[in-house]
Amino acid sequence: PIIRFETIEHIMENEKKIRRDELARNVLDC
């Protein structure tokens, strides 16, 4: 049971990066 605490800002920045990476992969695939 590993519990990790992160700032909300860090979570939002990671989500933004994941969305950018997914978009880049989709563009590359196309």
PDB file of all heavy atoms in Angstrom:
ATOM      1  N   PRO A   1       0.831  -1.214   0.000  1.00  0.00           N
ATOM      2  CA  PRO A   1       0.000   0.000   0.000  1.00  0.00           C
ATOM      3  C   PRO A   1       0.864   1.262   0.000  1.00  0.00           C
ATOM      4  O   PRO A   1       1.149   1.841   1.030  1.00  0.00           O
ATOM      5  CB  PRO A   1      -0.794  -0.127   1.298  1.00  0.00           C
ATOM      6  CG  PRO A   1       0.116  -0.898   2.194  1.00  0.00           C
ATOM      7  CD  PRO A   1       0.879  -1.833   1.304  1.00  0.00           C
ATOM      8  N   ILE A   2       1.300   1.666  -1.167  1.00  0.00           N
ATOM      9  CA  ILE A   2       2.152   2.848  -1.283  1.00  0.00           C
ATOM     10  C   ILE A   2       1.264   4.062  -1.537  1.00  0.00           C
ATOM     11  O   ILE A   2       0.513   4.094  -2.508  1.00  0.00           O
ATOM     12  CB  ILE A   2       3.178   2.675  -2.419  1.00  0.00           C
ATOM     13  CG1 ILE A   2       4.089   1.489  -2.086  1.00  0.00           C
ATOM     14  CG2 ILE A   2       3.968   3.959  -2.645  1.00  0.00           C
ATOM     15  CD1 ILE A   2       5.020   1.096  -3.200  1.00  0.00           C
ATOM     16  N   ILE A   3       1.371   5.047  -0.671  1.00  0.00           N
ATOM     17  CA  ILE A   3       0.575   6.267  -0.794  1.00  0.00           C
ATOM     18  C   ILE A   3       1.528   7.405  -1.129  1.00  0.00           C
ATOM     19  O   ILE A   3       2.558   7.577  -0.485  1.00  0.00           O
ATOM     20  CB  ILE A   3      -0.199   6.556   0.501  1.00  0.00           C
ATOM     21  CG1 ILE A   3      -1.176   5.410   0.779  1.00  0.00           C
ATOM     22  CG2 ILE A   3      -0.930   7.889   0.406  1.00  0.00           C
ATOM     23  CD1 ILE A   3      -1.898   5.508   2.085  1.00  0.00           C
ATOM     24  N   ARG A   4       1.179   8.175  -2.141  1.00  0.00           N
ATOM     25  CA  ARG A   4       2.020   9.269  -2.598  1.00  0.00           C
ATOM     26  C   ARG A   4       1.164  10.530  -2.639  1.00  0.00           C
ATOM     27  O   ARG A   4       0.022  10.499  -3.086  1.00  0.00           O
ATOM     28  CB  ARG A   4       2.540   8.923  -3.996  1.00  0.00           C
ATOM     29  CG  ARG A   4       3.549   9.829  -4.549  1.00  0.00           C
ATOM     30  CD  ARG A   4       4.043   9.348  -5.921  1.00  0.00           C
ATOM     31  NE  ARG A   4       3.011   9.575  -6.926  1.00  0.00           N
ATOM     32  CZ  ARG A   4       2.486   8.613  -7.700  1.00  0.00           C
ATOM     33  NH1 ARG A   4       2.884   7.376  -7.578  1.00  0.00           N
ATOM     34  NH2 ARG A   4       1.571   8.895  -8.579  1.00  0.00           N
ATOM     35  N   PHE A   5       1.710  11.631  -2.197  1.00  0.00           N
ATOM     36  CA  PHE A   5       0.990  12.896  -2.205  1.00  0.00           C
ATOM     37  C   PHE A   5       1.637  13.829  -3.222  1.00  0.00           C
ATOM     38  O   PHE A   5       2.847  13.992  -3.231  1.00  0.00           O
ATOM     39  CB  PHE A   5       1.017  13.536  -0.810  1.00  0.00           C
ATOM     40  CG  PHE A   5       0.301  12.718   0.211  1.00  0.00           C
ATOM     41  CD1 PHE A   5       0.993  11.825   1.013  1.00  0.00           C
ATOM     42  CD2 PHE A   5      -1.072  12.812   0.362  1.00  0.00           C
ATOM     43  CE1 PHE A   5       0.337  11.051   1.949  1.00  0.00           C
ATOM     44  CE2 PHE A   5      -1.739  12.043   1.296  1.00  0.00           C
ATOM     45  CZ  PHE A   5      -1.041  11.161   2.097  1.00  0.00           C
ATOM     46  N   GLU A   6       0.802  14.411  -4.095  1.00  0.00           N
ATOM     47  CA  GLU A   6       1.278  15.318  -5.119  1.00  0.00           C
ATOM     48  C   GLU A   6       0.425  16.574  -5.106  1.00  0.00           C
ATOM     49  O   GLU A   6      -0.737  16.530  -4.720  1.00  0.00           O
ATOM     50  CB  GLU A   6       1.198  14.658  -6.502  1.00  0.00           C
ATOM     51  CG  GLU A   6       2.082  13.447  -6.636  1.00  0.00           C
ATOM     52  CD  GLU A   6       2.024  12.829  -8.025  1.00  0.00           C
ATOM     53  OE1 GLU A   6       1.422  13.431  -8.929  1.00  0.00           O
ATOM     54  OE2 GLU A   6       2.586  11.739  -8.188  1.00  0.00           O
ATOM     55  N   THR A   7       0.986  17.668  -5.589  1.00  0.00           N
ATOM     56  CA  THR A   7       0.198  18.894  -5.674  1.00  0.00           C
ATOM     57  C   THR A   7      -0.813  18.769  -6.807  1.00  0.00           C
ATOM     58  O   THR A   7      -0.587  18.029  -7.782  1.00  0.00           O
ATOM     59  CB  THR A   7       1.092  20.122  -5.935  1.00  0.00           C
ATOM     60  OG1 THR A   7       1.700  19.983  -7.224  1.00  0.00           O
ATOM     61  CG2 THR A   7       2.154  20.283  -4.850  1.00  0.00           C
ATOM     62  N   ILE A   8      -1.906  19.491  -6.694  1.00  0.00           N
ATOM     63  CA  ILE A   8      -2.924  19.496  -7.748  1.00  0.00           C
ATOM     64  C   ILE A   8      -2.297  20.021  -9.041  1.00  0.00           C
ATOM     65  O   ILE A   8      -2.554  19.503 -10.126  1.00  0.00           O
ATOM     66  CB  ILE A   8      -4.128  20.373  -7.334  1.00  0.00           C
ATOM     67  CG1 ILE A   8      -4.782  19.845  -6.051  1.00  0.00           C
ATOM     68  CG2 ILE A   8      -5.135  20.507  -8.475  1.00  0.00           C
ATOM     69  CD1 ILE A   8      -5.312  18.440  -6.116  1.00  0.00           C
ATOM     70  N   GLU A   9      -1.455  21.032  -8.914  1.00  0.00           N
ATOM     71  CA  GLU A   9      -0.803  21.604 -10.085  1.00  0.00           C
ATOM     72  C   GLU A   9       0.051  20.565 -10.804  1.00  0.00           C
ATOM     73  O   GLU A   9       0.061  20.500 -12.042  1.00  0.00           O
ATOM     74  CB  GLU A   9       0.059  22.813  -9.680  1.00  0.00           C
ATOM     75  CG  GLU A   9      -0.733  24.008  -9.190  1.00  0.00           C
ATOM     76  CD  GLU A   9      -1.266  23.872  -7.759  1.00  0.00           C
ATOM     77  OE1 GLU A   9      -0.804  22.977  -7.005  1.00  0.00           O
ATOM     78  OE2 GLU A   9      -2.159  24.653  -7.405  1.00  0.00           O
ATOM     79  N   HIS A  10       0.761  19.729 -10.054  1.00  0.00           N
ATOM     80  CA  HIS A  10       1.592  18.674 -10.643  1.00  0.00           C
ATOM     81  C   HIS A  10       0.719  17.661 -11.398  1.00  0.00           C
ATOM     82  O   HIS A  10       1.056  17.246 -12.511  1.00  0.00           O
ATOM     83  CB  HIS A  10       2.405  17.975  -9.549  1.00  0.00           C
ATOM     84  CG  HIS A  10       3.292  16.891 -10.049  1.00  0.00           C
ATOM     85  ND1 HIS A  10       4.480  17.143 -10.689  1.00  0.00           N
ATOM     86  CD2 HIS A  10       3.151  15.536 -10.019  1.00  0.00           C
ATOM     87  CE1 HIS A  10       5.033  16.004 -11.045  1.00  0.00           C
ATOM     88  NE2 HIS A  10       4.257  15.008 -10.642  1.00  0.00           N
ATOM     89  N   ILE A  11      -0.393  17.289 -10.812  1.00  0.00           N
ATOM     90  CA  ILE A  11      -1.309  16.343 -11.468  1.00  0.00           C
ATOM     91  C   ILE A  11      -1.841  16.932 -12.764  1.00  0.00           C
ATOM     92  O   ILE A  11      -1.858  16.271 -13.808  1.00  0.00           O
ATOM     93  CB  ILE A  11      -2.468  15.961 -10.525  1.00  0.00           C
ATOM     94  CG1 ILE A  11      -1.932  15.155  -9.346  1.00  0.00           C
ATOM     95  CG2 ILE A  11      -3.553  15.198 -11.273  1.00  0.00           C
ATOM     96  CD1 ILE A  11      -2.937  14.947  -8.239  1.00  0.00           C
ATOM     97  N   MET A  12      -2.263  18.194 -12.717  1.00  0.00           N
ATOM     98  CA  MET A  12      -2.811  18.834 -13.919  1.00  0.00           C
ATOM     99  C   MET A  12      -1.745  18.956 -15.007  1.00  0.00           C
ATOM    100  O   MET A  12      -2.035  18.743 -16.190  1.00  0.00           O
ATOM    101  CB  MET A  12      -3.411  20.190 -13.564  1.00  0.00           C
ATOM    102  CG  MET A  12      -4.659  20.054 -12.702  1.00  0.00           C
ATOM    103  SD  MET A  12      -5.439  21.617 -12.355  1.00  0.00           S
ATOM    104  CE  MET A  12      -5.989  22.072 -13.987  1.00  0.00           C
ATOM    105  N   GLU A  13      -0.517  19.280 -14.639  1.00  0.00           N
ATOM    106  CA  GLU A  13       0.573  19.395 -15.613  1.00  0.00           C
ATOM    107  C   GLU A  13       0.861  18.033 -16.246  1.00  0.00           C
ATOM    108  O   GLU A  13       1.062  17.933 -17.460  1.00  0.00           O
ATOM    109  CB  GLU A  13       1.837  19.959 -14.950  1.00  0.00           C
ATOM    110  CG  GLU A  13       2.931  20.273 -15.920  1.00  0.00           C
ATOM    111  CD  GLU A  13       2.544  21.294 -16.987  1.00  0.00           C
ATOM    112  OE1 GLU A  13       1.817  22.258 -16.679  1.00  0.00           O
ATOM    113  OE2 GLU A  13       2.963  21.107 -18.145  1.00  0.00           O
ATOM    114  N   ASN A  14       0.849  16.963 -15.448  1.00  0.00           N
ATOM    115  CA  ASN A  14       1.056  15.617 -15.996  1.00  0.00           C
ATOM    116  C   ASN A  14      -0.062  15.231 -16.952  1.00  0.00           C
ATOM    117  O   ASN A  14       0.184  14.622 -17.994  1.00  0.00           O
ATOM    118  CB  ASN A  14       1.169  14.589 -14.872  1.00  0.00           C
ATOM    119  CG  ASN A  14       2.525  14.587 -14.220  1.00  0.00           C
ATOM    120  OD1 ASN A  14       3.485  15.136 -14.743  1.00  0.00           O
ATOM    121  ND2 ASN A  14       2.616  13.963 -13.057  1.00  0.00           N
ATOM    122  N   GLU A  15      -1.303  15.561 -16.593  1.00  0.00           N
ATOM    123  CA  GLU A  15      -2.431  15.259 -17.481  1.00  0.00           C
ATOM    124  C   GLU A  15      -2.305  16.016 -18.800  1.00  0.00           C
ATOM    125  O   GLU A  15      -2.584  15.476 -19.857  1.00  0.00           O
ATOM    126  CB  GLU A  15      -3.752  15.604 -16.793  1.00  0.00           C
ATOM    127  CG  GLU A  15      -4.112  14.661 -15.673  1.00  0.00           C
ATOM    128  CD  GLU A  15      -5.382  15.049 -14.940  1.00  0.00           C
ATOM    129  OE1 GLU A  15      -5.911  16.158 -15.171  1.00  0.00           O
ATOM    130  OE2 GLU A  15      -5.844  14.233 -14.122  1.00  0.00           O
ATOM    131  N   LYS A  16      -1.857  17.274 -18.723  1.00  0.00           N
ATOM    132  CA  LYS A  16      -1.670  18.083 -19.923  1.00  0.00           C
ATOM    133  C   LYS A  16      -0.593  17.452 -20.811  1.00  0.00           C
ATOM    134  O   LYS A  16      -0.747  17.354 -22.026  1.00  0.00           O
ATOM    135  CB  LYS A  16      -1.272  19.499 -19.527  1.00  0.00           C
ATOM    136  CG  LYS A  16      -1.384  20.509 -20.648  1.00  0.00           C
ATOM    137  CD  LYS A  16      -0.909  21.899 -20.241  1.00  0.00           C
ATOM    138  CE  LYS A  16      -1.641  22.417 -19.041  1.00  0.00           C
ATOM    139  NZ  LYS A  16      -1.217  23.783 -18.664  1.00  0.00           N
ATOM    140  N   LYS A  17       0.496  16.988 -20.206  1.00  0.00           N
ATOM    141  CA  LYS A  17       1.583  16.358 -20.959  1.00  0.00           C
ATOM    142  C   LYS A  17       1.105  15.067 -21.615  1.00  0.00           C
ATOM    143  O   LYS A  17       1.423  14.795 -22.770  1.00  0.00           O
ATOM    144  CB  LYS A  17       2.768  16.067 -20.033  1.00  0.00           C
ATOM    145  CG  LYS A  17       3.955  15.452 -20.734  1.00  0.00           C
ATOM    146  CD  LYS A  17       5.063  15.123 -19.772  1.00  0.00           C
ATOM    147  CE  LYS A  17       6.272  14.519 -20.430  1.00  0.00           C
ATOM    148  NZ  LYS A  17       6.032  13.444 -21.363  1.00  0.00           N
ATOM    149  N   ILE A  18       0.311  14.283 -20.891  1.00  0.00           N
ATOM    150  CA  ILE A  18      -0.218  13.036 -21.453  1.00  0.00           C
ATOM    151  C   ILE A  18      -1.106  13.337 -22.657  1.00  0.00           C
ATOM    152  O   ILE A  18      -1.011  12.674 -23.689  1.00  0.00           O
ATOM    153  CB  ILE A  18      -0.985  12.230 -20.379  1.00  0.00           C
ATOM    154  CG1 ILE A  18       0.009  11.672 -19.352  1.00  0.00           C
ATOM    155  CG2 ILE A  18      -1.817  11.125 -21.007  1.00  0.00           C
ATOM    156  CD1 ILE A  18      -0.648  11.110 -18.101  1.00  0.00           C
ATOM    157  N   ARG A  19      -1.957  14.361 -22.550  1.00  0.00           N
ATOM    158  CA  ARG A  19      -2.822  14.729 -23.672  1.00  0.00           C
ATOM    159  C   ARG A  19      -1.997  15.187 -24.880  1.00  0.00           C
ATOM    160  O   ARG A  19      -2.306  14.824 -26.019  1.00  0.00           O
ATOM    161  CB  ARG A  19      -3.818  15.813 -23.253  1.00  0.00           C
ATOM    162  CG  ARG A  19      -4.980  15.290 -22.428  1.00  0.00           C
ATOM    163  CD  ARG A  19      -6.094  16.308 -22.295  1.00  0.00           C
ATOM    164  NE  ARG A  19      -5.689  17.554 -21.674  1.00  0.00           N
ATOM    165  CZ  ARG A  19      -5.605  17.779 -20.372  1.00  0.00           C
ATOM    166  NH1 ARG A  19      -5.905  16.824 -19.526  1.00  0.00           N
ATOM    167  NH2 ARG A  19      -5.237  18.954 -19.907  1.00  0.00           N
ATOM    168  N   ARG A  20      -0.923  15.969 -24.635  1.00  0.00           N
ATOM    169  CA  ARG A  20      -0.054  16.411 -25.731  1.00  0.00           C
ATOM    170  C   ARG A  20       0.623  15.216 -26.395  1.00  0.00           C
ATOM    171  O   ARG A  20       0.698  15.132 -27.623  1.00  0.00           O
ATOM    172  CB  ARG A  20       1.005  17.385 -25.212  1.00  0.00           C
ATOM    173  CG  ARG A  20       0.526  18.811 -25.051  1.00  0.00           C
ATOM    174  CD  ARG A  20       1.690  19.767 -24.840  1.00  0.00           C
ATOM    175  NE  ARG A  20       2.589  19.349 -23.801  1.00  0.00           N
ATOM    176  CZ  ARG A  20       2.650  19.864 -22.569  1.00  0.00           C
ATOM    177  NH1 ARG A  20       1.831  20.821 -22.219  1.00  0.00           N
ATOM    178  NH2 ARG A  20       3.518  19.419 -21.691  1.00  0.00           N
ATOM    179  N   ASP A  21       1.111  14.271 -25.584  1.00  0.00           N
ATOM    180  CA  ASP A  21       1.775  13.081 -26.121  1.00  0.00           C
ATOM    181  C   ASP A  21       0.811  12.243 -26.954  1.00  0.00           C
ATOM    182  O   ASP A  21       1.180  11.738 -28.017  1.00  0.00           O
ATOM    183  CB  ASP A  21       2.376  12.235 -24.999  1.00  0.00           C
ATOM    184  CG  ASP A  21       3.567  12.900 -24.317  1.00  0.00           C
ATOM    185  OD1 ASP A  21       4.070  13.921 -24.837  1.00  0.00           O
ATOM    186  OD2 ASP A  21       3.977  12.398 -23.246  1.00  0.00           O
ATOM    187  N   GLU A  22      -0.426  12.097 -26.477  1.00  0.00           N
ATOM    188  CA  GLU A  22      -1.430  11.324 -27.223  1.00  0.00           C
ATOM    189  C   GLU A  22      -1.758  12.015 -28.537  1.00  0.00           C
ATOM    190  O   GLU A  22      -1.879  11.360 -29.580  1.00  0.00           O
ATOM    191  CB  GLU A  22      -2.696  11.156 -26.384  1.00  0.00           C
ATOM    192  CG  GLU A  22      -2.536  10.184 -25.234  1.00  0.00           C
ATOM    193  CD  GLU A  22      -3.748  10.137 -24.317  1.00  0.00           C
ATOM    194  OE1 GLU A  22      -4.668  10.977 -24.466  1.00  0.00           O
ATOM    195  OE2 GLU A  22      -3.764   9.260 -23.441  1.00  0.00           O
ATOM    196  N   LEU A  23      -1.872  13.335 -28.512  1.00  0.00           N
ATOM    197  CA  LEU A  23      -2.158  14.086 -29.730  1.00  0.00           C
ATOM    198  C   LEU A  23      -1.009  13.923 -30.727  1.00  0.00           C
ATOM    199  O   LEU A  23      -1.236  13.687 -31.913  1.00  0.00           O
ATOM    200  CB  LEU A  23      -2.382  15.568 -29.405  1.00  0.00           C
ATOM    201  CG  LEU A  23      -2.681  16.484 -30.577  1.00  0.00           C
ATOM    202  CD1 LEU A  23      -3.955  16.036 -31.291  1.00  0.00           C
ATOM    203  CD2 LEU A  23      -2.817  17.921 -30.102  1.00  0.00           C
ATOM    204  N   ALA A  24       0.222  14.017 -30.245  1.00  0.00           N
ATOM    205  CA  ALA A  24       1.388  13.857 -31.122  1.00  0.00           C
ATOM    206  C   ALA A  24       1.412  12.466 -31.750  1.00  0.00           C
ATOM    207  O   ALA A  24       1.713  12.321 -32.940  1.00  0.00           O
ATOM    208  CB  ALA A  24       2.671  14.117 -30.330  1.00  0.00           C
ATOM    209  N   ARG A  25       1.074  11.429 -30.955  1.00  0.00           N
ATOM    210  CA  ARG A  25       1.034  10.060 -31.507  1.00  0.00           C
ATOM    211  C   ARG A  25      -0.041   9.940 -32.582  1.00  0.00           C
ATOM    212  O   ARG A  25       0.161   9.311 -33.618  1.00  0.00           O
ATOM    213  CB  ARG A  25       0.789   9.044 -30.392  1.00  0.00           C
ATOM    214  CG  ARG A  25       2.042   8.615 -29.676  1.00  0.00           C
ATOM    215  CD  ARG A  25       1.819   7.383 -28.817  1.00  0.00           C
ATOM    216  NE  ARG A  25       0.771   7.557 -27.820  1.00  0.00           N
ATOM    217  CZ  ARG A  25       0.946   8.137 -26.624  1.00  0.00           C
ATOM    218  NH1 ARG A  25       2.125   8.604 -26.291  1.00  0.00           N
ATOM    219  NH2 ARG A  25      -0.050   8.246 -25.783  1.00  0.00           N
ATOM    220  N   ASN A  26      -1.200  10.553 -32.347  1.00  0.00           N
ATOM    221  CA  ASN A  26      -2.284  10.498 -33.326  1.00  0.00           C
ATOM    222  C   ASN A  26      -1.893  11.197 -34.623  1.00  0.00           C
ATOM    223  O   ASN A  26      -2.173  10.704 -35.713  1.00  0.00           O
ATOM    224  CB  ASN A  26      -3.562  11.119 -32.759  1.00  0.00           C
ATOM    225  CG  ASN A  26      -4.192  10.258 -31.692  1.00  0.00           C
ATOM    226  OD1 ASN A  26      -3.944   9.060 -31.619  1.00  0.00           O
ATOM    227  ND2 ASN A  26      -5.005  10.856 -30.851  1.00  0.00           N
ATOM    228  N   VAL A  27      -1.240  12.349 -34.506  1.00  0.00           N
ATOM    229  CA  VAL A  27      -0.785  13.076 -35.696  1.00  0.00           C
ATOM    230  C   VAL A  27       0.234  12.240 -36.448  1.00  0.00           C
ATOM    231  O   VAL A  27       0.182  12.121 -37.675  1.00  0.00           O
ATOM    232  CB  VAL A  27      -0.205  14.457 -35.304  1.00  0.00           C
ATOM    233  CG1 VAL A  27       0.509  15.103 -36.476  1.00  0.00           C
ATOM    234  CG2 VAL A  27      -1.319  15.364 -34.782  1.00  0.00           C
ATOM    235  N   LEU A  28       1.164  11.630 -35.742  1.00  0.00           N
ATOM    236  CA  LEU A  28       2.178  10.783 -36.371  1.00  0.00           C
ATOM    237  C   LEU A  28       1.532   9.599 -37.079  1.00  0.00           C
ATOM    238  O   LEU A  28       1.884   9.277 -38.219  1.00  0.00           O
ATOM    239  CB  LEU A  28       3.184  10.296 -35.322  1.00  0.00           C
ATOM    240  CG  LEU A  28       4.341   9.448 -35.834  1.00  0.00           C
ATOM    241  CD1 LEU A  28       5.172  10.232 -36.842  1.00  0.00           C
ATOM    242  CD2 LEU A  28       5.208   8.989 -34.676  1.00  0.00           C
ATOM    243  N   ASP A  29       0.557   8.956 -36.407  1.00  0.00           N
ATOM    244  CA  ASP A  29      -0.141   7.824 -37.022  1.00  0.00           C
ATOM    245  C   ASP A  29      -0.846   8.251 -38.309  1.00  0.00           C
ATOM    246  O   ASP A  29      -0.805   7.544 -39.317  1.00  0.00           O
ATOM    247  CB  ASP A  29      -1.156   7.220 -36.052  1.00  0.00           C
ATOM    248  CG  ASP A  29      -0.496   6.487 -34.898  1.00  0.00           C
ATOM    249  OD1 ASP A  29       0.724   6.216 -34.966  1.00  0.00           O
ATOM    250  OD2 ASP A  29      -1.206   6.198 -33.899  1.00  0.00           O
ATOM    251  N   CYS A  30      -1.477   9.414 -38.279  1.00  0.00           N
ATOM    252  CA  CYS A  30      -2.184   9.906 -39.463  1.00  0.00           C
ATOM    253  C   CYS A  30      -1.210  10.225 -40.589  1.00  0.00           C
ATOM    254  O   CYS A  30      -1.460   9.892 -41.751  1.00  0.00           O
ATOM    255  CB  CYS A  30      -3.001  11.152 -39.121  1.00  0.00           C
ATOM    256  SG  CYS A  30      -4.469  10.806 -38.137  1.00  0.00           S
TER     257      CYS A  30
END
